[in-house]
């Protein structure tokens, strides 16, 4: 499967804000956007006025990069959001939040969504007692996400368990760091999704 392999910090610089793609590094002085707040490339420091289309495109790209998904995947999520009842933009963000790799990250069981995706793919997590290795798996209210028993003994997950006790968890989830287990209490509402995305611009882009 295709995936982005270039420097991750370039993505934050391109969008002009922190997307928190590298975990703890994003909170340190080593963060690239803190040191160089302009866009990457030869003309990165030039002042550019974005058109209406440019603003809409940047919001779409920002959302894609935050959740780490490809263009076709994102288009499929949007098509699904359109078919659902309610506001299309909010439906889109709810679908993205329900991804298993995002839930693992939100529960504090990974430093970033990229690490969460890798851990899920390697089969370290179960949903309702069954191993799930598909990062795009959509969780539902009542689901129990847990680290597999064999994985709990690894030094990585012992460190994760210690760090997870200090991390805040969204109200629609409940985490038990000691047991390395989490519960999906409900579907997230727009107010509970703290991503810096103006979803109405994405809807306008796809509506053209």
N, C-alpha and C. Protein backbone atom coordinates (compact mmCIF):
# COMPACT_ATOMS: atom_id res chain seq x y z
N UNK A 1 0.84 -1.20 0.00
CA UNK A 1 0.00 0.00 0.00
C UNK A 1 0.88 1.25 0.00
N UNK A 2 0.52 2.25 -0.79
CA UNK A 2 1.30 3.49 -0.86
C UNK A 2 1.20 4.26 0.44
N UNK A 3 2.28 4.92 0.82
CA UNK A 3 2.27 5.75 2.01
C UNK A 3 3.33 6.84 1.88
N UNK A 4 3.18 7.89 2.66
CA UNK A 4 4.10 9.01 2.61
C UNK A 4 5.40 8.63 3.32
N UNK A 5 6.55 8.80 2.64
CA UNK A 5 7.83 8.38 3.19
C UNK A 5 8.82 9.53 3.36
N UNK A 6 8.45 10.73 2.96
CA UNK A 6 9.37 11.87 3.08
C UNK A 6 9.32 12.45 4.50
N UNK A 7 10.05 13.54 4.70
CA UNK A 7 10.15 14.16 6.02
C UNK A 7 8.77 14.62 6.51
N UNK A 8 8.37 14.12 7.67
CA UNK A 8 7.04 14.42 8.21
C UNK A 8 6.90 15.90 8.58
N UNK A 9 7.98 16.49 9.09
CA UNK A 9 7.89 17.88 9.55
C UNK A 9 7.63 18.85 8.41
N UNK A 10 7.95 18.46 7.18
CA UNK A 10 7.65 19.32 6.03
C UNK A 10 6.15 19.54 5.89
N UNK A 11 5.36 18.55 6.29
CA UNK A 11 3.91 18.66 6.17
C UNK A 11 3.36 19.76 7.07
N UNK A 12 3.88 19.83 8.30
CA UNK A 12 3.44 20.88 9.22
C UNK A 12 3.84 22.25 8.69
N UNK A 13 5.07 22.34 8.18
CA UNK A 13 5.55 23.62 7.65
C UNK A 13 4.72 24.04 6.44
N UNK A 14 4.34 23.08 5.62
CA UNK A 14 3.54 23.41 4.44
C UNK A 14 2.18 23.96 4.83
N UNK A 15 1.59 23.42 5.90
CA UNK A 15 0.26 23.89 6.33
C UNK A 15 0.35 25.11 7.24
N UNK A 16 1.56 25.45 7.69
CA UNK A 16 1.74 26.65 8.49
C UNK A 16 1.30 26.52 9.93
N UNK A 17 1.17 25.30 10.43
CA UNK A 17 0.80 25.09 11.83
C UNK A 17 1.16 23.67 12.27
N UNK A 18 1.22 23.48 13.56
CA UNK A 18 1.55 22.16 14.09
C UNK A 18 0.40 21.20 13.87
N UNK A 19 0.71 20.05 13.27
CA UNK A 19 -0.28 19.00 13.08
C UNK A 19 -0.04 17.85 14.05
N UNK A 20 1.01 17.94 14.87
CA UNK A 20 1.35 16.96 15.89
C UNK A 20 1.47 15.56 15.29
N UNK A 21 2.34 15.45 14.28
CA UNK A 21 2.52 14.19 13.56
C UNK A 21 3.65 13.34 14.14
N UNK A 22 4.47 13.93 15.04
CA UNK A 22 5.62 13.20 15.55
C UNK A 22 5.64 13.09 17.08
N UNK A 23 4.48 13.14 17.69
CA UNK A 23 4.39 12.91 19.13
C UNK A 23 5.09 13.97 19.96
N UNK A 24 5.92 13.53 20.91
CA UNK A 24 6.57 14.42 21.87
C UNK A 24 7.47 15.45 21.20
N UNK A 25 8.05 15.11 20.06
CA UNK A 25 8.93 16.05 19.37
C UNK A 25 8.20 17.36 19.04
N UNK A 26 6.91 17.26 18.77
CA UNK A 26 6.13 18.44 18.39
C UNK A 26 6.00 19.43 19.55
N UNK A 27 6.21 18.97 20.78
CA UNK A 27 6.11 19.83 21.94
C UNK A 27 7.46 20.37 22.40
N UNK A 28 8.53 19.95 21.73
CA UNK A 28 9.88 20.35 22.12
C UNK A 28 10.41 21.47 21.23
N UNK A 29 11.61 21.94 21.57
CA UNK A 29 12.26 23.00 20.78
C UNK A 29 12.74 22.48 19.43
N UNK A 30 12.72 21.16 19.24
CA UNK A 30 13.18 20.57 17.99
C UNK A 30 12.11 20.61 16.90
N UNK A 31 10.90 21.03 17.26
CA UNK A 31 9.81 21.09 16.30
C UNK A 31 10.21 21.99 15.12
N UNK A 32 10.08 21.47 13.92
CA UNK A 32 10.53 22.19 12.72
C UNK A 32 9.79 23.51 12.51
N UNK A 33 8.50 23.52 12.79
CA UNK A 33 7.73 24.74 12.52
C UNK A 33 8.05 25.83 13.54
N UNK A 34 8.56 25.44 14.71
CA UNK A 34 9.00 26.42 15.69
C UNK A 34 10.28 27.09 15.23
N UNK A 35 11.14 26.31 14.61
CA UNK A 35 12.42 26.82 14.14
C UNK A 35 12.32 27.51 12.78
N UNK A 36 11.45 26.98 11.91
CA UNK A 36 11.28 27.56 10.57
C UNK A 36 9.78 27.56 10.25
N UNK A 37 9.13 28.67 10.53
CA UNK A 37 7.68 28.73 10.43
C UNK A 37 7.17 28.97 9.01
N UNK A 38 8.08 29.05 8.05
CA UNK A 38 7.66 29.25 6.66
C UNK A 38 7.57 27.92 5.92
N UNK A 39 6.93 27.94 4.77
CA UNK A 39 6.74 26.71 3.98
C UNK A 39 8.07 26.21 3.44
N UNK A 40 8.21 24.91 3.23
CA UNK A 40 9.47 24.37 2.70
C UNK A 40 9.64 24.71 1.23
N UNK A 41 10.86 24.55 0.74
CA UNK A 41 11.11 24.78 -0.68
C UNK A 41 11.76 26.11 -0.96
N UNK A 42 12.20 26.29 -2.19
CA UNK A 42 12.93 27.48 -2.61
C UNK A 42 12.12 28.76 -2.43
N UNK A 43 10.81 28.69 -2.65
CA UNK A 43 9.96 29.87 -2.56
C UNK A 43 9.09 29.87 -1.30
N UNK A 44 9.52 29.12 -0.30
CA UNK A 44 8.71 28.96 0.90
C UNK A 44 8.48 30.25 1.67
N UNK A 45 9.45 31.18 1.61
CA UNK A 45 9.33 32.41 2.39
C UNK A 45 8.61 33.53 1.63
N UNK A 46 8.24 33.26 0.38
CA UNK A 46 7.51 34.26 -0.39
C UNK A 46 6.08 34.39 0.12
N UNK A 47 5.56 35.59 0.15
CA UNK A 47 4.19 35.81 0.61
C UNK A 47 3.23 35.49 -0.53
N UNK A 48 2.30 34.63 -0.25
CA UNK A 48 1.34 34.22 -1.28
C UNK A 48 -0.08 34.41 -0.75
N UNK A 49 -0.91 35.00 -1.58
CA UNK A 49 -2.32 35.16 -1.21
C UNK A 49 -3.10 34.03 -1.85
N UNK A 50 -3.73 33.21 -1.01
CA UNK A 50 -4.45 32.05 -1.51
C UNK A 50 -5.81 32.44 -2.07
N UNK A 51 -6.19 31.78 -3.13
CA UNK A 51 -7.52 31.96 -3.69
C UNK A 51 -8.53 31.18 -2.86
N UNK A 52 -9.79 31.33 -3.19
CA UNK A 52 -10.83 30.57 -2.47
C UNK A 52 -10.60 29.07 -2.62
N UNK A 53 -10.25 28.67 -3.84
CA UNK A 53 -9.95 27.25 -4.08
C UNK A 53 -8.73 26.82 -3.28
N UNK A 54 -7.71 27.70 -3.21
CA UNK A 54 -6.50 27.37 -2.47
C UNK A 54 -6.78 27.14 -1.00
N UNK A 55 -7.63 27.97 -0.40
CA UNK A 55 -7.99 27.81 1.01
C UNK A 55 -8.71 26.49 1.24
N UNK A 56 -9.62 26.15 0.33
CA UNK A 56 -10.36 24.89 0.46
C UNK A 56 -9.43 23.69 0.32
N UNK A 57 -8.50 23.77 -0.63
CA UNK A 57 -7.55 22.68 -0.85
C UNK A 57 -6.65 22.47 0.36
N UNK A 58 -6.19 23.58 0.95
CA UNK A 58 -5.31 23.48 2.11
C UNK A 58 -6.02 22.81 3.29
N UNK A 59 -7.31 23.10 3.48
CA UNK A 59 -8.05 22.46 4.57
C UNK A 59 -8.18 20.96 4.34
N UNK A 60 -8.43 20.59 3.09
CA UNK A 60 -8.53 19.16 2.77
C UNK A 60 -7.20 18.45 3.00
N UNK A 61 -6.12 19.07 2.54
CA UNK A 61 -4.80 18.49 2.71
C UNK A 61 -4.42 18.40 4.18
N UNK A 62 -4.81 19.42 4.94
CA UNK A 62 -4.52 19.42 6.37
C UNK A 62 -5.20 18.24 7.07
N UNK A 63 -6.49 18.04 6.75
CA UNK A 63 -7.23 16.93 7.35
C UNK A 63 -6.62 15.59 6.97
N UNK A 64 -6.26 15.44 5.70
CA UNK A 64 -5.63 14.21 5.23
C UNK A 64 -4.35 13.92 5.99
N UNK A 65 -3.55 14.94 6.18
CA UNK A 65 -2.24 14.76 6.82
C UNK A 65 -2.36 14.50 8.31
N UNK A 66 -3.33 15.14 8.95
CA UNK A 66 -3.53 14.89 10.39
C UNK A 66 -3.85 13.42 10.63
N UNK A 67 -4.74 12.86 9.82
CA UNK A 67 -5.16 11.47 10.02
C UNK A 67 -4.31 10.48 9.23
N UNK A 68 -3.41 10.99 8.39
CA UNK A 68 -2.48 10.12 7.68
C UNK A 68 -3.11 9.19 6.67
N UNK A 69 -4.02 9.71 5.86
CA UNK A 69 -4.68 8.85 4.87
C UNK A 69 -4.45 9.40 3.47
N UNK A 70 -4.64 8.54 2.48
CA UNK A 70 -4.38 8.90 1.09
C UNK A 70 -5.60 9.57 0.45
N UNK A 71 -5.37 10.13 -0.73
CA UNK A 71 -6.41 10.89 -1.42
C UNK A 71 -7.66 10.06 -1.70
N UNK A 72 -7.47 8.85 -2.22
CA UNK A 72 -8.63 8.02 -2.55
C UNK A 72 -9.40 7.62 -1.29
N UNK A 73 -8.66 7.31 -0.23
CA UNK A 73 -9.33 6.98 1.03
C UNK A 73 -10.16 8.15 1.52
N UNK A 74 -9.58 9.35 1.44
CA UNK A 74 -10.28 10.53 1.92
C UNK A 74 -11.55 10.77 1.11
N UNK A 75 -11.44 10.60 -0.21
CA UNK A 75 -12.61 10.77 -1.08
C UNK A 75 -13.71 9.77 -0.73
N UNK A 76 -13.31 8.54 -0.41
CA UNK A 76 -14.28 7.52 -0.02
C UNK A 76 -14.98 7.88 1.28
N UNK A 77 -14.21 8.43 2.24
CA UNK A 77 -14.81 8.86 3.50
C UNK A 77 -15.81 9.99 3.25
N UNK A 78 -15.46 10.92 2.37
CA UNK A 78 -16.37 12.03 2.08
C UNK A 78 -17.66 11.53 1.44
N UNK A 79 -17.52 10.59 0.50
CA UNK A 79 -18.71 10.04 -0.16
C UNK A 79 -19.62 9.35 0.85
N UNK A 80 -19.01 8.65 1.80
CA UNK A 80 -19.78 7.97 2.85
C UNK A 80 -20.46 9.00 3.76
N UNK A 81 -19.73 10.08 4.09
CA UNK A 81 -20.28 11.13 4.95
C UNK A 81 -21.49 11.79 4.29
N UNK A 82 -21.45 11.96 2.96
CA UNK A 82 -22.56 12.57 2.24
C UNK A 82 -23.82 11.73 2.32
N UNK A 83 -23.64 10.41 2.35
CA UNK A 83 -24.81 9.51 2.38
C UNK A 83 -25.42 9.40 3.77
N UNK A 84 -24.71 9.84 4.78
CA UNK A 84 -25.20 9.75 6.15
C UNK A 84 -26.13 10.91 6.48
N UNK A 85 -26.99 10.73 7.46
CA UNK A 85 -27.85 11.81 7.92
C UNK A 85 -27.03 12.82 8.70
N UNK A 86 -27.44 14.07 8.64
CA UNK A 86 -26.74 15.10 9.40
C UNK A 86 -25.88 15.98 8.51
N UNK A 87 -24.97 16.72 9.15
CA UNK A 87 -24.08 17.65 8.46
C UNK A 87 -22.90 16.90 7.87
N UNK A 88 -22.68 17.04 6.57
CA UNK A 88 -21.64 16.25 5.88
C UNK A 88 -20.26 16.47 6.48
N UNK A 89 -19.89 17.72 6.74
CA UNK A 89 -18.55 18.00 7.28
C UNK A 89 -18.33 17.36 8.63
N UNK A 90 -19.32 17.44 9.50
CA UNK A 90 -19.20 16.81 10.82
C UNK A 90 -19.18 15.30 10.70
N UNK A 91 -19.99 14.75 9.80
CA UNK A 91 -19.98 13.31 9.58
C UNK A 91 -18.60 12.83 9.15
N UNK A 92 -17.95 13.63 8.30
CA UNK A 92 -16.61 13.27 7.82
C UNK A 92 -15.62 13.18 8.97
N UNK A 93 -15.62 14.18 9.84
CA UNK A 93 -14.68 14.17 10.96
C UNK A 93 -14.98 13.04 11.94
N UNK A 94 -16.25 12.75 12.14
CA UNK A 94 -16.63 11.64 13.03
C UNK A 94 -16.12 10.31 12.48
N UNK A 95 -16.25 10.11 11.16
CA UNK A 95 -15.74 8.88 10.54
C UNK A 95 -14.23 8.76 10.72
N UNK A 96 -13.52 9.86 10.53
CA UNK A 96 -12.06 9.84 10.68
C UNK A 96 -11.66 9.56 12.13
N UNK A 97 -12.41 10.13 13.07
CA UNK A 97 -12.12 9.91 14.48
C UNK A 97 -12.36 8.45 14.90
N UNK A 98 -13.27 7.79 14.23
CA UNK A 98 -13.63 6.42 14.59
C UNK A 98 -12.62 5.39 14.09
N UNK A 99 -11.67 5.80 13.29
CA UNK A 99 -10.64 4.87 12.82
C UNK A 99 -9.90 4.28 14.02
N UNK A 100 -9.57 3.00 13.94
CA UNK A 100 -8.93 2.33 15.07
C UNK A 100 -7.58 2.95 15.41
N UNK A 101 -6.79 3.32 14.38
CA UNK A 101 -5.49 3.91 14.69
C UNK A 101 -5.64 5.24 15.42
N UNK A 102 -6.66 6.03 15.06
CA UNK A 102 -6.90 7.28 15.76
C UNK A 102 -7.36 7.05 17.19
N UNK A 103 -8.21 6.04 17.40
CA UNK A 103 -8.71 5.74 18.74
C UNK A 103 -7.56 5.28 19.65
N UNK A 104 -6.68 4.45 19.10
CA UNK A 104 -5.50 4.01 19.87
C UNK A 104 -4.67 5.23 20.30
N UNK A 105 -4.50 6.18 19.38
CA UNK A 105 -3.76 7.41 19.70
C UNK A 105 -4.51 8.24 20.73
N UNK A 106 -5.81 8.39 20.57
CA UNK A 106 -6.61 9.19 21.49
C UNK A 106 -6.61 8.61 22.90
N UNK A 107 -6.54 7.29 23.00
CA UNK A 107 -6.53 6.63 24.31
C UNK A 107 -5.18 6.78 25.01
N UNK A 108 -4.17 7.27 24.29
CA UNK A 108 -2.84 7.45 24.87
C UNK A 108 -1.95 6.24 24.75
N UNK A 109 -2.35 5.28 23.89
CA UNK A 109 -1.57 4.06 23.74
C UNK A 109 -0.52 4.16 22.62
N UNK A 110 -0.32 5.36 22.10
CA UNK A 110 0.71 5.62 21.09
C UNK A 110 1.03 7.11 21.14
N UNK A 111 2.26 7.47 20.77
CA UNK A 111 2.69 8.86 20.82
C UNK A 111 2.15 9.68 19.65
N UNK A 112 1.82 9.01 18.56
CA UNK A 112 1.31 9.69 17.37
C UNK A 112 0.40 8.74 16.60
N UNK A 113 -0.34 9.27 15.66
CA UNK A 113 -1.19 8.41 14.84
C UNK A 113 -0.35 7.49 13.96
N UNK A 114 0.82 7.95 13.56
CA UNK A 114 1.71 7.12 12.75
C UNK A 114 2.15 5.90 13.54
N UNK A 115 2.55 6.10 14.79
CA UNK A 115 2.95 4.97 15.63
C UNK A 115 1.75 4.07 15.91
N UNK A 116 0.58 4.67 16.14
CA UNK A 116 -0.62 3.87 16.39
C UNK A 116 -0.94 2.98 15.20
N UNK A 117 -0.81 3.55 13.99
CA UNK A 117 -1.08 2.77 12.78
C UNK A 117 -0.13 1.58 12.67
N UNK A 118 1.13 1.79 12.98
CA UNK A 118 2.10 0.72 12.91
C UNK A 118 1.80 -0.37 13.94
N UNK A 119 1.46 0.03 15.16
CA UNK A 119 1.15 -0.94 16.21
C UNK A 119 -0.09 -1.77 15.86
N UNK A 120 -1.09 -1.11 15.27
CA UNK A 120 -2.30 -1.83 14.87
C UNK A 120 -1.97 -2.83 13.77
N UNK A 121 -1.21 -2.39 12.78
CA UNK A 121 -0.85 -3.28 11.67
C UNK A 121 -0.06 -4.49 12.13
N UNK A 122 0.73 -4.33 13.18
CA UNK A 122 1.53 -5.44 13.69
C UNK A 122 0.73 -6.36 14.61
N UNK A 123 -0.56 -6.08 14.74
CA UNK A 123 -1.44 -6.99 15.47
C UNK A 123 -1.36 -6.91 16.97
N UNK A 124 -1.03 -5.75 17.52
CA UNK A 124 -0.89 -5.61 18.98
C UNK A 124 -2.21 -5.31 19.69
N UNK A 125 -3.28 -5.05 18.93
CA UNK A 125 -4.54 -4.64 19.57
C UNK A 125 -5.70 -5.58 19.23
N UNK A 126 -6.63 -5.64 20.15
CA UNK A 126 -7.87 -6.40 19.94
C UNK A 126 -9.06 -5.47 20.09
N UNK A 127 -10.14 -5.82 19.41
CA UNK A 127 -11.41 -5.11 19.57
C UNK A 127 -12.44 -6.14 19.99
N UNK A 128 -12.97 -5.97 21.18
CA UNK A 128 -13.93 -6.93 21.75
C UNK A 128 -13.34 -8.35 21.80
N UNK A 129 -12.04 -8.41 22.12
CA UNK A 129 -11.39 -9.71 22.31
C UNK A 129 -10.84 -10.34 21.04
N UNK A 130 -11.09 -9.74 19.88
CA UNK A 130 -10.60 -10.31 18.62
C UNK A 130 -9.51 -9.41 18.03
N UNK A 131 -8.42 -10.03 17.56
CA UNK A 131 -7.32 -9.25 17.00
C UNK A 131 -7.77 -8.53 15.74
N UNK A 132 -7.46 -7.25 15.67
CA UNK A 132 -7.76 -6.44 14.49
C UNK A 132 -6.47 -5.75 14.05
N UNK A 133 -6.07 -5.96 12.82
CA UNK A 133 -4.82 -5.37 12.32
C UNK A 133 -5.09 -4.40 11.16
N UNK A 134 -6.30 -3.85 11.11
CA UNK A 134 -6.69 -2.92 10.05
C UNK A 134 -6.85 -1.53 10.66
N UNK A 135 -5.92 -0.60 10.38
CA UNK A 135 -5.98 0.74 10.98
C UNK A 135 -7.28 1.49 10.69
N UNK A 136 -7.90 1.22 9.53
CA UNK A 136 -9.11 1.94 9.14
C UNK A 136 -10.38 1.34 9.74
N UNK A 137 -10.26 0.30 10.54
CA UNK A 137 -11.43 -0.31 11.19
C UNK A 137 -12.19 0.76 11.97
N UNK A 138 -13.51 0.86 11.78
CA UNK A 138 -14.32 1.87 12.45
C UNK A 138 -14.92 1.30 13.74
N UNK A 139 -14.58 1.92 14.84
CA UNK A 139 -15.10 1.46 16.13
C UNK A 139 -16.53 1.95 16.32
N UNK A 140 -17.25 1.30 17.23
CA UNK A 140 -18.63 1.65 17.54
C UNK A 140 -18.80 1.81 19.05
N UNK A 141 -19.85 2.51 19.48
CA UNK A 141 -20.09 2.62 20.92
C UNK A 141 -20.22 1.24 21.55
N UNK A 142 -19.57 1.05 22.68
CA UNK A 142 -19.59 -0.24 23.36
C UNK A 142 -18.37 -1.09 23.08
N UNK A 143 -17.58 -0.74 22.05
CA UNK A 143 -16.38 -1.52 21.72
C UNK A 143 -15.32 -1.36 22.80
N UNK A 144 -14.58 -2.44 23.00
CA UNK A 144 -13.47 -2.44 23.96
C UNK A 144 -12.18 -2.67 23.19
N UNK A 145 -11.29 -1.70 23.25
CA UNK A 145 -10.00 -1.79 22.56
C UNK A 145 -8.94 -2.09 23.60
N UNK A 146 -8.16 -3.13 23.39
CA UNK A 146 -7.16 -3.53 24.37
C UNK A 146 -5.89 -4.01 23.69
N UNK A 147 -4.80 -3.91 24.43
CA UNK A 147 -3.53 -4.45 23.97
C UNK A 147 -3.55 -5.96 24.20
N UNK A 148 -3.07 -6.73 23.22
CA UNK A 148 -3.05 -8.19 23.35
C UNK A 148 -2.19 -8.60 24.54
N UNK A 149 -2.57 -9.70 25.18
CA UNK A 149 -1.86 -10.16 26.37
C UNK A 149 -0.38 -10.40 26.10
N UNK A 150 -0.05 -10.95 24.94
CA UNK A 150 1.36 -11.22 24.61
C UNK A 150 2.15 -9.93 24.47
N UNK A 151 1.49 -8.87 24.04
CA UNK A 151 2.19 -7.60 23.81
C UNK A 151 2.41 -6.81 25.08
N UNK A 152 1.58 -7.05 26.11
CA UNK A 152 1.66 -6.27 27.33
C UNK A 152 3.00 -6.43 28.05
N UNK A 153 3.69 -7.52 27.81
CA UNK A 153 4.96 -7.77 28.50
C UNK A 153 6.13 -7.04 27.86
N UNK A 154 5.94 -6.48 26.68
CA UNK A 154 7.04 -5.79 26.01
C UNK A 154 7.38 -4.48 26.72
N UNK A 155 8.63 -4.07 26.62
CA UNK A 155 9.08 -2.84 27.27
C UNK A 155 8.36 -1.62 26.69
N UNK A 156 8.03 -1.68 25.39
CA UNK A 156 7.34 -0.57 24.74
C UNK A 156 6.02 -0.28 25.42
N UNK A 157 5.22 -1.32 25.63
CA UNK A 157 3.89 -1.10 26.20
C UNK A 157 3.95 -0.82 27.69
N UNK A 158 5.01 -1.23 28.35
CA UNK A 158 5.18 -0.84 29.76
C UNK A 158 5.44 0.66 29.85
N UNK A 159 6.21 1.18 28.90
CA UNK A 159 6.46 2.63 28.85
C UNK A 159 5.18 3.37 28.48
N UNK A 160 4.43 2.80 27.54
CA UNK A 160 3.17 3.43 27.11
C UNK A 160 2.18 3.49 28.27
N UNK A 161 2.10 2.41 29.05
CA UNK A 161 1.18 2.36 30.19
C UNK A 161 1.52 3.44 31.22
N UNK A 162 2.82 3.65 31.44
CA UNK A 162 3.25 4.66 32.40
C UNK A 162 2.94 6.07 31.89
N UNK A 163 3.17 6.29 30.59
CA UNK A 163 2.93 7.62 30.02
C UNK A 163 1.45 7.93 29.87
N UNK A 164 0.64 6.90 29.61
CA UNK A 164 -0.79 7.10 29.35
C UNK A 164 -1.54 7.65 30.56
N UNK A 165 -1.00 7.43 31.76
CA UNK A 165 -1.68 7.92 32.97
C UNK A 165 -1.71 9.44 33.03
N UNK A 166 -0.82 10.10 32.28
CA UNK A 166 -0.74 11.56 32.33
C UNK A 166 -1.39 12.22 31.12
N UNK A 167 -2.00 11.44 30.25
CA UNK A 167 -2.59 11.99 29.04
C UNK A 167 -4.10 12.13 29.17
N UNK A 168 -4.61 13.21 28.63
CA UNK A 168 -6.05 13.44 28.66
C UNK A 168 -6.73 12.65 27.54
N UNK A 169 -7.92 12.18 27.80
CA UNK A 169 -8.67 11.36 26.85
C UNK A 169 -9.99 12.06 26.55
N UNK A 170 -10.43 12.09 25.28
CA UNK A 170 -11.71 12.72 24.94
C UNK A 170 -12.87 12.11 25.71
N UNK A 171 -13.91 12.89 25.91
CA UNK A 171 -15.05 12.44 26.73
C UNK A 171 -15.78 11.26 26.13
N UNK A 172 -15.64 11.04 24.82
CA UNK A 172 -16.36 9.92 24.19
C UNK A 172 -15.61 8.60 24.34
N UNK A 173 -14.43 8.66 24.97
CA UNK A 173 -13.64 7.46 25.24
C UNK A 173 -13.32 7.36 26.72
N UNK A 174 -13.02 6.15 27.17
CA UNK A 174 -12.59 5.93 28.54
C UNK A 174 -11.38 5.02 28.51
N UNK A 175 -10.30 5.46 29.14
CA UNK A 175 -9.05 4.69 29.11
C UNK A 175 -8.73 4.12 30.47
N UNK A 176 -8.15 2.91 30.46
CA UNK A 176 -7.65 2.26 31.67
C UNK A 176 -6.19 1.93 31.41
N UNK A 177 -5.27 2.90 31.68
CA UNK A 177 -3.86 2.70 31.35
C UNK A 177 -3.24 1.49 32.04
N UNK A 178 -3.66 1.21 33.28
CA UNK A 178 -3.08 0.08 34.02
C UNK A 178 -3.36 -1.24 33.31
N UNK A 179 -4.56 -1.37 32.75
CA UNK A 179 -4.94 -2.60 32.04
C UNK A 179 -4.67 -2.51 30.55
N UNK A 180 -4.17 -1.33 30.10
CA UNK A 180 -3.95 -1.07 28.68
C UNK A 180 -5.22 -1.41 27.88
N UNK A 181 -6.31 -0.79 28.32
CA UNK A 181 -7.62 -1.06 27.75
C UNK A 181 -8.41 0.23 27.64
N UNK A 182 -9.24 0.32 26.62
CA UNK A 182 -10.07 1.50 26.44
C UNK A 182 -11.47 1.13 26.01
N UNK A 183 -12.43 2.01 26.31
CA UNK A 183 -13.83 1.76 25.96
C UNK A 183 -14.36 2.92 25.12
N UNK A 184 -15.16 2.60 24.11
CA UNK A 184 -15.83 3.62 23.30
C UNK A 184 -17.19 3.86 23.93
N UNK A 185 -17.36 5.03 24.56
CA UNK A 185 -18.60 5.31 25.28
C UNK A 185 -19.71 5.78 24.34
N UNK A 186 -19.33 6.53 23.30
CA UNK A 186 -20.31 7.05 22.35
C UNK A 186 -19.58 7.51 21.10
N UNK A 187 -20.34 7.94 20.11
CA UNK A 187 -19.72 8.55 18.94
C UNK A 187 -19.31 9.97 19.31
N UNK A 188 -18.21 10.47 18.77
CA UNK A 188 -17.78 11.83 19.12
C UNK A 188 -18.69 12.89 18.51
N UNK A 189 -18.84 13.99 19.21
CA UNK A 189 -19.54 15.15 18.66
C UNK A 189 -18.50 16.12 18.11
N UNK A 190 -18.94 17.10 17.32
CA UNK A 190 -17.98 18.05 16.74
C UNK A 190 -17.22 18.80 17.83
N UNK A 191 -17.89 19.11 18.93
CA UNK A 191 -17.24 19.84 20.02
C UNK A 191 -16.14 19.03 20.68
N UNK A 192 -16.20 17.71 20.56
CA UNK A 192 -15.20 16.84 21.19
C UNK A 192 -14.04 16.50 20.25
N UNK A 193 -14.09 17.00 19.02
CA UNK A 193 -13.02 16.73 18.06
C UNK A 193 -12.17 17.99 17.95
N UNK A 194 -10.94 17.93 18.47
CA UNK A 194 -10.11 19.13 18.59
C UNK A 194 -9.13 19.33 17.45
N UNK A 195 -9.44 18.83 16.27
CA UNK A 195 -8.54 19.03 15.13
C UNK A 195 -8.76 20.42 14.53
N UNK A 196 -7.69 21.13 14.15
CA UNK A 196 -7.81 22.50 13.62
C UNK A 196 -8.21 22.52 12.15
N UNK A 197 -9.41 22.04 11.87
CA UNK A 197 -9.88 21.93 10.49
C UNK A 197 -11.24 22.61 10.35
N UNK A 198 -11.39 23.40 9.30
CA UNK A 198 -12.69 24.00 8.98
C UNK A 198 -13.36 23.11 7.94
N UNK A 199 -14.15 22.20 8.43
CA UNK A 199 -14.70 21.15 7.56
C UNK A 199 -15.63 21.69 6.47
N UNK A 200 -16.24 22.86 6.69
CA UNK A 200 -17.14 23.40 5.66
C UNK A 200 -16.38 23.75 4.39
N UNK A 201 -15.09 24.08 4.52
CA UNK A 201 -14.29 24.36 3.33
C UNK A 201 -14.04 23.10 2.51
N UNK A 202 -13.92 21.97 3.20
CA UNK A 202 -13.72 20.70 2.51
C UNK A 202 -15.00 20.33 1.74
N UNK A 203 -16.14 20.57 2.38
CA UNK A 203 -17.42 20.28 1.72
C UNK A 203 -17.57 21.16 0.48
N UNK A 204 -17.19 22.43 0.59
CA UNK A 204 -17.28 23.33 -0.55
C UNK A 204 -16.36 22.87 -1.69
N UNK A 205 -15.18 22.37 -1.35
CA UNK A 205 -14.24 21.89 -2.36
C UNK A 205 -14.81 20.72 -3.14
N UNK A 206 -15.38 19.74 -2.44
CA UNK A 206 -15.92 18.56 -3.10
C UNK A 206 -17.26 18.82 -3.79
N UNK A 207 -17.88 19.95 -3.45
CA UNK A 207 -19.18 20.26 -4.05
C UNK A 207 -19.06 20.95 -5.39
N UNK A 208 -17.83 21.29 -5.81
CA UNK A 208 -17.64 21.98 -7.09
C UNK A 208 -17.81 21.04 -8.26
